[in-house]
Amino acid sequence: GDYCVPPSDATDWKLKAGDNTEAGAADMIVLGTMYEQAWPILESIASDVKGKGKTILDMTNPFMTRPDGYGAGLPKDGPQAGILIHKKLLDDPTVKWAGAYKHILWTLILPNG
């Protein structure tokens, strides 16, 4: 289950990592946290996001129960995708949303996962 990506020269890259405040100032925001943590983080930077036409890449996946307690799923009476929940909660028509790079840990697919 561990992904190891070797270091590479990023001198010419225009992407950079930062903290949540820096993410709020960026043109593109990546929600790459646990689903259950994504909305509180996005909510904390909402004033820096709303009305500014930013792009948000939502990589969250709430569907598979995990051994650490995350992955409880979504309410049966609401939208059935994390990105739709976040879009509804943020309520900003200027944001461009994208969902990608969602994956399920291989250990969770096993019968005893």
Protein backbone atom coordinates (compact mmCIF):
# COMPACT_ATOMS: atom_id res chain seq x y z
CA GLY A 1 0.00 0.00 0.00
CA ASP A 2 2.81 2.59 0.12
CA TYR A 3 3.54 4.73 -2.93
CA CYS A 4 7.14 5.85 -3.36
CA VAL A 5 7.84 8.43 -6.04
CA PRO A 6 11.51 9.24 -6.51
CA PRO A 7 12.52 12.91 -6.27
CA SER A 8 12.63 14.77 -9.57
CA ASP A 9 13.89 18.13 -10.70
CA ALA A 10 10.99 20.56 -10.38
CA THR A 11 12.91 23.71 -11.21
CA ASP A 12 10.63 24.65 -14.10
CA TRP A 13 7.36 23.56 -12.49
CA LYS A 14 4.73 26.18 -11.82
CA LEU A 15 3.10 24.08 -9.10
CA LYS A 16 4.09 24.31 -5.47
CA ALA A 17 2.99 22.92 -2.16
CA GLY A 18 1.91 25.16 0.66
CA ASP A 19 -0.28 25.37 3.71
CA ASN A 20 -4.05 25.90 3.66
CA THR A 21 -3.75 29.70 3.62
CA GLU A 22 -1.45 29.56 0.60
CA ALA A 23 -3.88 27.16 -1.08
CA GLY A 24 -6.66 29.73 -0.64
CA ALA A 25 -4.56 32.27 -2.52
CA ALA A 26 -3.78 29.91 -5.41
CA ASP A 27 -5.64 29.73 -8.72
CA MET A 28 -6.03 25.97 -8.35
CA ILE A 29 -6.79 24.17 -5.09
CA VAL A 30 -6.34 20.42 -4.66
CA LEU A 31 -8.48 18.62 -2.08
CA GLY A 32 -6.15 15.70 -1.47
CA THR A 33 -7.06 14.97 2.15
CA MET A 34 -9.36 12.39 3.70
CA TYR A 35 -12.94 13.10 2.63
CA GLU A 36 -13.99 13.81 6.22
CA GLN A 37 -11.30 16.49 6.56
CA ALA A 38 -11.80 18.20 3.18
CA TRP A 39 -14.84 20.36 3.98
CA PRO A 40 -13.52 21.81 7.26
CA ILE A 41 -10.32 22.81 5.44
CA LEU A 42 -12.18 24.25 2.45
CA GLU A 43 -14.56 26.08 4.77
CA SER A 44 -11.60 27.67 6.57
CA ILE A 45 -10.35 29.24 3.32
CA ALA A 46 -13.78 29.92 1.76
CA SER A 47 -13.44 33.70 2.06
CA ASP A 48 -10.28 33.50 -0.09
CA VAL A 49 -12.01 31.28 -2.65
CA LYS A 50 -15.53 32.62 -3.15
CA GLY A 51 -16.17 34.84 -6.14
CA LYS A 52 -12.67 34.47 -7.57
CA GLY A 53 -13.20 31.88 -10.32
CA LYS A 54 -10.76 29.35 -8.90
CA THR A 55 -10.43 25.72 -9.95
CA ILE A 56 -10.81 23.00 -7.32
CA LEU A 57 -9.59 19.47 -7.99
CA ASP A 58 -11.45 17.17 -5.61
CA MET A 59 -9.55 13.92 -5.07
CA THR A 60 -11.59 12.77 -2.07
CA ASN A 61 -13.21 9.35 -1.91
CA PRO A 62 -15.72 8.73 0.90
CA PHE A 63 -16.96 5.31 -0.09
CA MET A 64 -14.69 2.57 1.23
CA THR A 65 -14.56 1.93 4.97
CA ARG A 66 -10.98 2.00 6.15
CA PRO A 67 -9.31 0.42 9.16
CA ASP A 68 -8.48 3.88 10.57
CA GLY A 69 -12.18 4.81 10.79
CA TYR A 70 -12.37 7.04 7.73
CA GLY A 71 -14.57 6.21 4.76
CA ALA A 72 -17.98 6.12 6.42
CA GLY A 73 -19.65 6.96 3.11
CA LEU A 74 -22.23 9.61 2.28
CA PRO A 75 -25.75 10.18 3.61
CA LYS A 76 -28.25 8.14 1.60
CA ASP A 77 -30.57 11.13 1.19
CA GLY A 78 -27.98 13.52 -0.29
CA PRO A 79 -25.64 13.81 -3.28
CA GLN A 80 -23.69 10.61 -3.88
CA ALA A 81 -20.27 12.10 -4.67
CA GLY A 82 -17.89 14.00 -2.45
CA ILE A 83 -17.35 16.63 -5.11
CA LEU A 84 -21.11 17.32 -5.22
CA ILE A 85 -21.22 17.70 -1.43
CA HIS A 86 -18.29 20.14 -1.47
CA LYS A 87 -19.75 22.09 -4.39
CA LYS A 88 -23.08 22.42 -2.58
CA LEU A 89 -21.48 23.44 0.72
CA LEU A 90 -19.16 26.04 -0.84
CA ASP A 91 -22.03 27.42 -2.94
CA ASP A 92 -19.87 29.44 -5.34
CA PRO A 93 -20.91 29.44 -9.00
CA THR A 94 -17.55 30.96 -10.03
CA VAL A 95 -15.58 27.84 -9.01
CA LYS A 96 -14.68 25.33 -11.71
CA TRP A 97 -14.77 21.82 -10.21
CA ALA A 98 -12.85 18.74 -11.35
CA GLY A 99 -12.79 15.27 -9.84
CA ALA A 100 -9.88 12.97 -10.58
CA TYR A 101 -7.17 10.72 -9.20
CA LYS A 102 -9.51 8.95 -6.82
CA HIS A 103 -8.28 5.53 -5.85
CA ILE A 104 -9.06 2.77 -3.45
CA LEU A 105 -6.29 1.15 -1.43
CA TRP A 106 -5.85 -2.40 -2.71
CA THR A 107 -6.07 -3.76 0.83
CA LEU A 108 -9.65 -2.49 1.12
CA ILE A 109 -10.80 -4.56 -1.84
CA LEU A 110 -9.86 -7.83 -0.12
CA PRO A 111 -12.73 -9.69 1.65
CA ASN A 112 -11.12 -8.99 5.03
CA GLY A 113 -10.11 -5.39 4.12
